[in-house]
Amino acid sequence: MRSFFLTTGLLCIPLLVEAFPGMGNTLASIAVKKRDPETPELLADLKTLPDVELTEVGKLIKDILLLENTTGHPEDFETVYKAPGPLGSDECRADTCCVWKYVAEEMENDFKGPTGRCNEFAREAIRLGFHDAGTWSKTQGGGGADGSFVLAGEIARPTNRGLEEINNKMWQYYHKFHKYGAGMADLIQMGATVGAVVCPMGPRIRSFVGRNDSCEAAPEGRLPLASQDAEPLIALFEDKTIDRGDLITLLGAHTIGQQRFEDTTRAGDPHSSTPGVWNTNFYLETPRNDTAKRIFKFHSDVSIAQYQESRDLWGLFSDPVEGLKTWNSGYAATYIRLSVLGVPHINNLIQCTGVLPLRTESYTAPDEKELNEWLNSDRAPMHSKILVIG
């Protein structure tokens, strides 16, 4: 039996969980991902625990962090979890993953737009997962995937503009599901993985729960800026054990996005020609000068794309078929690393990947003609119906 212990009556409380074996894995090998030459770093307790003391989840995450393939792939395309009972029932309370099935179903409903694309909630959820975990620093400590973004009010920081809607949505999830064992840190990271797979052709990333919540605000100044050049960005991410190749891999999530605050006169303009669809168009279009008028390119993205040492991997991900497979696998592995930054007890996390929606393998836009006309148009008024695509 899998159980959890929860102290009620407090806003920020640690969720202590027992580990149990992974809920299934695929036999596919982790796609080869070009990296910097140094060995990938382990994190927290995985750095010190001998293999004989690792749980099945600990072994799985360790292999993913080291890009090895002895226990599993960073994506899971097949495992489906069935809740043993209704939310709040004794059967559901006895199984840690049960509440997360209900959480994931509600998130899927909230994150999917009317055209089948992932909507603004999904896009913000993916960004929120990074903004909570990405405050961690290897050299200075502090921050990490602990829910402090929401619990400590980090939404007030200028670097977090545009996340107001998902911040409010996370409070709604918290008030509804916290009494059943769902903590804020896990809600944020589950939102990021549900958000990715709800996007057509997005990765189904292995997802883990059991992080502790914190009301202590993360240190400021540790998140990237869209105005930064390649070298300071690379250095910033290396301090999070995320190397240049991993950084390039994470940037691809911009393919689904629409900017609002970097240039308010162009609010709603997307970073690729297929916003809300998880494909490689971001990698294809960022370095080019002949893209649609409305595609908005962050200076930081262009700088990384043009950086000499980035070009091979950027080109690999640009392939619309094989590039997507390689990028999805690399993104899943990198996101798992990101999602456990600052978590001291990685070995005791619990895998609940089976609660995620299944992946959408292909997508045809029902409004493709209208979208393409808009992408190549002059400035549209702020009330444009297509301003936020979903």
Protein backbone atom coordinates (compact mmCIF):
# COMPACT_ATOMS: atom_id res chain seq x y z
CA MET A 1 0.00 0.00 0.00
CA ARG A 2 1.27 3.44 -0.86
CA SER A 3 0.54 6.09 1.72
CA PHE A 4 1.21 9.71 2.57
CA PHE A 5 1.29 11.73 5.78
CA LEU A 6 -0.18 15.23 5.81
CA THR A 7 -0.23 17.82 8.57
CA THR A 8 -3.37 19.92 8.17
CA GLY A 9 -4.04 23.51 9.14
CA LEU A 10 -0.82 24.96 7.72
CA LEU A 11 -0.40 26.83 4.46
CA CYS A 12 3.02 25.42 3.59
CA ILE A 13 3.63 21.86 4.71
CA PRO A 14 5.98 19.09 3.59
CA LEU A 15 4.38 16.09 1.93
CA LEU A 16 6.27 12.99 3.05
CA VAL A 17 5.86 9.93 0.89
CA GLU A 18 7.10 6.42 0.55
CA ALA A 19 8.57 5.34 -2.75
CA PHE A 20 7.25 2.52 -4.87
CA PRO A 21 8.43 0.92 -8.12
CA GLY A 22 7.94 2.81 -11.38
CA MET A 23 4.60 2.41 -13.13
CA GLY A 24 5.95 0.88 -16.30
CA ASN A 25 8.41 1.99 -18.94
CA THR A 26 9.08 1.65 -22.62
CA LEU A 27 11.94 -0.28 -24.15
CA ALA A 28 12.96 2.49 -26.48
CA SER A 29 16.43 3.90 -26.00
CA ILE A 30 16.98 7.49 -25.00
CA ALA A 31 17.61 9.44 -28.19
CA VAL A 32 21.19 10.54 -28.68
CA LYS A 33 21.45 14.19 -27.68
CA LYS A 34 24.52 16.23 -28.45
CA ARG A 35 25.89 17.57 -25.17
CA ASP A 36 28.88 19.38 -23.86
CA PRO A 37 31.72 16.91 -23.23
CA GLU A 38 31.53 16.87 -19.41
CA THR A 39 29.66 14.10 -17.61
CA PRO A 40 26.07 15.07 -16.67
CA GLU A 41 25.76 15.86 -12.98
CA LEU A 42 23.73 14.00 -10.40
CA LEU A 43 21.66 15.93 -7.89
CA ALA A 44 20.88 15.88 -4.16
CA ASP A 45 20.72 12.42 -2.56
CA LEU A 46 21.38 10.68 -5.88
CA LYS A 47 24.96 12.00 -5.63
CA THR A 48 25.68 10.18 -2.38
CA LEU A 49 23.44 7.13 -2.09
CA PRO A 50 24.97 3.82 -3.24
CA ASP A 51 23.02 1.98 -5.92
CA VAL A 52 21.91 -0.71 -3.45
CA GLU A 53 20.00 1.94 -1.49
CA LEU A 54 18.20 3.42 -4.48
CA THR A 55 14.49 2.89 -4.94
CA GLU A 56 13.17 1.97 -8.38
CA VAL A 57 12.28 5.63 -8.91
CA GLY A 58 15.71 6.70 -7.68
CA LYS A 59 17.38 4.35 -10.18
CA LEU A 60 15.14 5.60 -12.97
CA ILE A 61 15.82 9.28 -12.32
CA LYS A 62 19.54 8.64 -11.88
CA ASP A 63 19.71 6.90 -15.25
CA ILE A 64 17.76 9.73 -16.90
CA LEU A 65 20.05 12.36 -15.37
CA LEU A 66 23.09 10.44 -16.62
CA LEU A 67 21.44 9.74 -20.01
CA GLU A 68 21.75 6.02 -19.46
CA ASN A 69 19.09 3.47 -20.34
CA THR A 70 19.08 0.64 -17.85
CA THR A 71 15.67 1.29 -16.30
CA GLY A 72 13.68 3.48 -18.64
CA HIS A 73 13.12 6.18 -21.20
CA PRO A 74 12.30 9.76 -20.06
CA GLU A 75 8.98 9.50 -21.89
CA ASP A 76 6.22 6.95 -21.29
CA PHE A 77 3.79 6.55 -24.17
CA GLU A 78 1.67 3.67 -22.85
CA THR A 79 1.13 3.50 -19.08
CA VAL A 80 -2.43 4.42 -18.08
CA TYR A 81 -3.37 4.74 -14.42
CA LYS A 82 -6.90 3.87 -13.30
CA ALA A 83 -8.08 5.43 -10.06
CA PRO A 84 -9.11 2.76 -7.50
CA GLY A 85 -12.01 4.87 -6.28
CA PRO A 86 -13.63 8.31 -6.24
CA LEU A 87 -11.64 11.30 -5.01
CA GLY A 88 -11.73 11.32 -1.21
CA SER A 89 -12.62 7.64 -0.88
CA ASP A 90 -10.56 5.37 1.36
CA GLU A 91 -9.30 3.53 -1.72
CA CYS A 92 -8.18 6.76 -3.35
CA ARG A 93 -6.55 8.09 -0.19
CA ALA A 94 -4.55 4.87 0.15
CA ASP A 95 -2.94 5.33 -3.27
CA THR A 96 -0.71 8.37 -3.71
CA CYS A 97 -1.28 8.65 -7.46
CA CYS A 98 -5.06 8.61 -7.17
CA VAL A 99 -5.52 12.32 -6.41
CA TRP A 100 -3.16 13.12 -9.28
CA LYS A 101 -5.44 11.32 -11.72
CA TYR A 102 -8.18 13.78 -10.82
CA VAL A 103 -5.76 16.72 -10.91
CA ALA A 104 -4.46 15.74 -14.37
CA GLU A 105 -7.96 15.31 -15.77
CA GLU A 106 -8.96 18.79 -14.59
CA MET A 107 -5.75 20.29 -15.95
CA GLU A 108 -6.26 18.60 -19.32
CA ASN A 109 -9.74 20.09 -19.56
CA ASP A 110 -8.43 23.54 -18.62
CA PHE A 111 -5.37 23.39 -20.91
CA LYS A 112 -6.95 22.26 -24.20
CA GLY A 113 -8.32 24.90 -26.54
CA PRO A 114 -11.40 24.60 -28.80
CA THR A 115 -9.31 23.91 -31.93
CA GLY A 116 -7.39 21.08 -30.23
CA ARG A 117 -4.27 23.17 -29.63
CA CYS A 118 -2.93 23.73 -26.13
CA ASN A 119 -4.15 27.09 -24.87
CA GLU A 120 -2.76 29.93 -22.79
CA PHE A 121 -3.13 27.99 -19.53
CA ALA A 122 -0.97 25.15 -20.89
CA ARG A 123 1.65 27.55 -22.20
CA GLU A 124 1.79 29.40 -18.90
CA ALA A 125 1.90 26.13 -16.94
CA ILE A 126 5.01 25.02 -18.83
CA ARG A 127 6.66 28.36 -18.18
CA LEU A 128 5.58 28.29 -14.52
CA GLY A 129 7.26 24.90 -14.01
CA PHE A 130 10.55 26.47 -15.05
CA HIS A 131 10.07 29.70 -13.10
CA ASP A 132 9.50 27.77 -9.86
CA ALA A 133 12.32 25.21 -10.26
CA GLY A 134 14.77 27.36 -12.23
CA THR A 135 15.55 29.65 -9.30
CA TRP A 136 17.88 26.97 -7.91
CA SER A 137 21.64 27.58 -8.00
CA LYS A 138 24.34 24.94 -7.70
CA THR A 139 26.88 27.43 -6.35
CA GLN A 140 24.64 29.51 -4.09
CA GLY A 141 21.83 27.15 -3.08
CA GLY A 142 18.26 28.16 -2.37
CA GLY A 143 15.25 28.10 -4.65
CA GLY A 144 14.11 25.10 -6.65
CA ALA A 145 10.92 23.14 -7.26
CA ASP A 146 9.24 23.91 -3.96
CA GLY A 147 6.04 25.77 -4.87
CA SER A 148 7.34 29.08 -3.53
CA PHE A 149 6.47 30.83 -6.79
CA VAL A 150 2.80 30.70 -5.79
CA LEU A 151 3.01 30.28 -2.01
CA ALA A 152 5.48 33.14 -1.47
CA GLY A 153 3.96 35.55 -4.02
CA GLU A 154 6.80 35.54 -6.55
CA ILE A 155 4.24 36.46 -9.20
CA ALA A 156 4.85 40.10 -8.16
CA ARG A 157 8.36 40.05 -9.69
CA PRO A 158 8.74 41.66 -13.15
CA THR A 159 10.40 38.52 -14.56
CA ASN A 160 7.17 36.61 -13.87
CA ARG A 161 4.81 38.86 -15.81
CA GLY A 162 2.37 36.92 -17.95
CA LEU A 163 1.91 34.12 -15.42
CA GLU A 164 -0.93 35.75 -13.48
CA GLU A 165 -3.65 33.50 -14.92
CA ILE A 166 -1.87 30.23 -14.18
CA ASN A 167 -0.82 31.51 -10.76
CA ASN A 168 -4.50 32.00 -9.93
CA LYS A 169 -5.37 28.63 -11.45
CA MET A 170 -2.77 26.90 -9.24
CA TRP A 171 -4.40 28.43 -6.17
CA GLN A 172 -7.71 26.95 -7.34
CA TYR A 173 -6.16 23.50 -7.75
CA TYR A 174 -4.47 23.82 -4.37
CA HIS A 175 -7.67 24.71 -2.52
CA LYS A 176 -9.50 21.84 -4.19
CA PHE A 177 -6.91 19.05 -4.01
CA HIS A 178 -4.57 19.90 -1.15
CA LYS A 179 -6.79 18.18 1.43
CA TYR A 180 -6.32 14.96 -0.54
CA GLY A 181 -2.52 15.19 -0.51
CA ALA A 182 -1.60 17.42 -3.46
CA GLY A 183 1.12 19.96 -2.58
CA MET A 184 1.83 23.16 -4.49
CA ALA A 185 5.33 22.15 -5.65
CA ASP A 186 3.93 18.99 -7.23
CA LEU A 187 0.92 20.81 -8.68
CA ILE A 188 3.25 23.22 -10.48
CA GLN A 189 5.42 20.45 -11.94
CA MET A 190 2.42 18.28 -12.85
CA GLY A 191 0.97 21.31 -14.62
CA ALA A 192 4.13 21.60 -16.72
CA THR A 193 4.06 17.97 -17.83
CA VAL A 194 0.30 17.93 -18.45
CA GLY A 195 0.71 21.18 -20.38
CA ALA A 196 3.37 19.67 -22.64
CA VAL A 197 1.45 16.51 -23.51
CA VAL A 198 -1.83 18.37 -24.07
CA CYS A 199 -0.09 20.24 -26.88
CA PRO A 200 -0.50 18.17 -30.08
CA MET A 201 2.64 16.02 -30.64
CA GLY A 202 4.07 17.06 -27.27
CA PRO A 203 6.17 14.72 -25.10
CA ARG A 204 4.62 12.53 -22.38
CA ILE A 205 7.23 13.20 -19.72
CA ARG A 206 7.66 10.89 -16.75
CA SER A 207 6.13 12.72 -13.81
CA PHE A 208 6.96 12.44 -10.11
CA VAL A 209 5.38 13.68 -6.87
CA GLY A 210 6.55 14.01 -3.28
CA ARG A 211 8.30 17.40 -3.24
CA ASN A 212 8.12 19.58 -0.14
CA ASP A 213 6.37 22.96 -0.24
CA SER A 214 8.02 26.18 0.90
CA CYS A 215 6.69 29.62 1.77
CA GLU A 216 10.19 31.12 1.59
CA ALA A 217 10.62 33.18 -1.56
CA ALA A 218 13.40 32.06 -3.89
CA PRO A 219 16.36 34.41 -4.43
CA GLU A 220 15.87 36.89 -7.27
CA GLY A 221 18.01 37.34 -10.37
CA ARG A 222 18.29 33.67 -11.32
CA LEU A 223 15.91 33.51 -14.27
CA PRO A 224 16.88 34.35 -17.86
CA LEU A 225 15.90 37.52 -19.68
CA ALA A 226 14.74 37.67 -23.30
CA SER A 227 17.27 40.44 -23.93
CA GLN A 228 20.34 38.42 -22.90
CA ASP A 229 23.13 37.21 -25.18
CA ALA A 230 24.12 33.58 -25.58
CA GLU A 231 27.19 33.41 -23.31
CA PRO A 232 25.62 34.83 -20.12
CA LEU A 233 22.58 32.63 -20.70
CA ILE A 234 24.73 29.54 -21.04
CA ALA A 235 26.59 30.44 -17.84
CA LEU A 236 23.31 31.05 -15.99
CA PHE A 237 22.00 27.61 -16.92
CA GLU A 238 25.26 25.81 -16.25
CA ASP A 239 24.88 26.98 -12.64
CA LYS A 240 21.69 24.90 -12.61
CA THR A 241 23.54 21.79 -14.02
CA ILE A 242 21.79 22.48 -17.34
CA ASP A 243 24.42 22.55 -20.06
CA ARG A 244 24.31 24.29 -23.44
CA GLY A 245 22.65 21.34 -25.17
CA ASP A 246 20.00 21.12 -22.47
CA LEU A 247 19.39 24.87 -22.74
CA ILE A 248 18.81 24.59 -26.48
CA THR A 249 16.44 21.72 -25.78
CA LEU A 250 14.38 23.69 -23.27
CA LEU A 251 14.15 26.74 -25.54
CA GLY A 252 12.15 24.72 -28.05
CA ALA A 253 9.08 25.02 -25.84
CA HIS A 254 8.80 28.56 -27.24
CA THR A 255 7.37 26.92 -30.38
CA ILE A 256 3.92 26.89 -28.73
CA GLY A 257 4.13 30.37 -27.21
CA GLN A 258 2.85 33.89 -27.75
CA GLN A 259 4.62 36.89 -26.20
CA ARG A 260 2.78 39.66 -24.41
CA PHE A 261 5.20 41.84 -22.47
CA GLU A 262 8.55 41.95 -24.26
CA ASP A 263 6.88 44.24 -26.80
CA THR A 264 3.37 45.26 -25.73
CA THR A 265 2.63 46.73 -29.17
CA ARG A 266 2.89 43.19 -30.52
CA ALA A 267 1.06 41.39 -27.71
CA GLY A 268 -0.15 38.00 -28.88
CA ASP A 269 2.48 37.49 -31.56
CA PRO A 270 3.78 33.89 -31.56
CA HIS A 271 7.34 32.57 -31.59
CA SER A 272 6.61 30.18 -34.45
CA SER A 273 4.05 29.80 -37.21
CA THR A 274 2.19 27.07 -35.29
CA PRO A 275 1.48 28.38 -31.76
CA GLY A 276 -0.21 25.83 -29.55
CA VAL A 277 1.28 22.91 -31.51
CA TRP A 278 4.41 21.12 -30.27
CA ASN A 279 6.62 20.83 -33.35
CA THR A 280 10.07 21.90 -34.54
CA ASN A 281 9.00 25.08 -36.34
CA PHE A 282 10.67 27.22 -33.67
CA TYR A 283 14.03 25.68 -34.59
CA LEU A 284 13.34 26.04 -38.29
CA GLU A 285 12.16 29.64 -38.17
CA THR A 286 14.21 31.39 -35.46
CA PRO A 287 17.45 31.66 -37.53
CA ARG A 288 15.66 32.66 -40.74
CA ASN A 289 14.77 36.10 -42.09
CA ASP A 290 11.89 35.06 -44.36
CA THR A 291 9.34 34.09 -41.72
CA ALA A 292 5.77 35.37 -41.36
CA LYS A 293 5.41 39.01 -40.27
CA ARG A 294 3.91 38.31 -36.88
CA ILE A 295 6.48 35.78 -35.66
CA PHE A 296 8.21 37.39 -32.68
CA LYS A 297 11.78 36.33 -31.94
CA PHE A 298 13.38 36.93 -28.57
CA HIS A 299 16.90 38.33 -28.81
CA SER A 300 18.04 35.53 -26.50
CA ASP A 301 16.67 32.83 -28.82
CA VAL A 302 18.30 34.34 -31.89
CA SER A 303 21.60 34.73 -30.03
CA ILE A 304 21.62 31.07 -28.98
CA ALA A 305 20.58 29.91 -32.47
CA GLN A 306 23.47 31.86 -34.05
CA TYR A 307 26.04 30.83 -31.44
CA GLN A 308 28.70 28.79 -33.23
CA GLU A 309 28.67 25.87 -30.80
CA SER A 310 24.86 25.63 -30.96
CA ARG A 311 24.40 25.19 -34.67
CA ASP A 312 24.77 21.41 -34.97
CA LEU A 313 22.18 20.61 -32.32
CA TRP A 314 19.89 23.42 -33.48
CA GLY A 315 20.04 21.96 -36.98
CA LEU A 316 19.34 18.44 -35.69
CA PHE A 317 16.18 19.61 -33.93
CA SER A 318 15.05 21.49 -37.05
CA ASP A 319 14.20 18.27 -38.88
CA PRO A 320 10.38 18.04 -38.81
CA VAL A 321 10.28 14.24 -38.34
CA GLU A 322 13.43 12.82 -36.79
CA GLY A 323 14.16 16.15 -35.16
CA LEU A 324 10.84 16.04 -33.31
CA LYS A 325 11.52 12.56 -31.92
CA THR A 326 15.01 13.50 -30.79
CA TRP A 327 13.91 16.82 -29.35
CA ASN A 328 10.96 15.32 -27.46
CA SER A 329 13.17 12.70 -25.86
CA GLY A 330 15.83 15.26 -25.00
CA TYR A 331 13.25 17.71 -23.70
CA ALA A 332 11.71 15.05 -21.46
CA ALA A 333 15.09 14.14 -19.97
CA THR A 334 16.04 17.78 -19.46
CA TYR A 335 12.69 18.68 -17.96
CA ILE A 336 12.95 15.84 -15.46
CA ARG A 337 16.29 17.30 -14.38
CA LEU A 338 14.72 20.74 -14.07
CA SER A 339 11.73 19.41 -12.11
CA VAL A 340 13.91 17.99 -9.32
CA LEU A 341 16.26 20.96 -8.87
CA GLY A 342 16.41 21.81 -5.18
CA VAL A 343 14.56 18.63 -4.14
CA PRO A 344 16.68 16.99 -1.42
CA HIS A 345 14.98 13.58 -1.40
CA ILE A 346 14.78 12.60 -5.08
CA ASN A 347 15.17 8.92 -4.14
CA ASN A 348 11.83 9.03 -2.27
CA LEU A 349 9.73 10.56 -5.03
CA ILE A 350 6.83 8.58 -6.47
CA GLN A 351 6.18 8.15 -10.19
CA CYS A 352 2.64 8.93 -11.34
CA THR A 353 3.20 9.23 -15.11
CA GLY A 354 0.17 7.06 -15.84
CA VAL A 355 -2.20 9.84 -14.79
CA LEU A 356 -1.15 12.02 -17.75
CA PRO A 357 -3.27 12.24 -20.90
CA LEU A 358 -2.00 10.15 -23.77
CA ARG A 359 0.01 11.87 -26.48
CA THR A 360 -1.66 13.28 -29.61
CA GLU A 361 0.42 11.88 -32.45
CA SER A 362 -0.62 14.26 -35.23
CA TYR A 363 -2.59 17.45 -35.75
CA THR A 364 -4.27 19.34 -38.59
CA ALA A 365 -5.43 22.85 -37.79
CA PRO A 366 -9.12 23.39 -38.60
CA ASP A 367 -8.42 27.12 -39.00
CA GLU A 368 -5.11 26.87 -40.87
CA LYS A 369 -6.11 29.29 -43.64
CA GLU A 370 -7.30 31.94 -41.17
CA LEU A 371 -4.19 31.48 -39.02
CA ASN A 372 -1.81 31.86 -41.96
CA GLU A 373 -3.59 35.01 -43.12
CA TRP A 374 -3.27 36.48 -39.63
CA LEU A 375 0.42 35.52 -39.35
CA ASN A 376 1.19 37.44 -42.54
CA SER A 377 -1.00 40.44 -41.77
CA ASP A 378 -0.09 43.87 -40.47
CA ARG A 379 -0.78 44.79 -36.85
CA ALA A 380 -4.17 43.55 -35.76
CA PRO A 381 -6.18 45.42 -33.12
CA MET A 382 -5.77 44.27 -29.52
CA HIS A 383 -9.31 42.86 -29.50
CA SER A 384 -8.50 40.47 -32.36
CA LYS A 385 -10.31 37.16 -31.79
CA ILE A 386 -7.18 35.26 -32.73
CA LEU A 387 -4.95 37.17 -30.30
CA VAL A 388 -4.75 34.16 -27.98
CA ILE A 389 -4.67 30.91 -29.89
CA GLY A 390 -6.02 27.64 -28.51
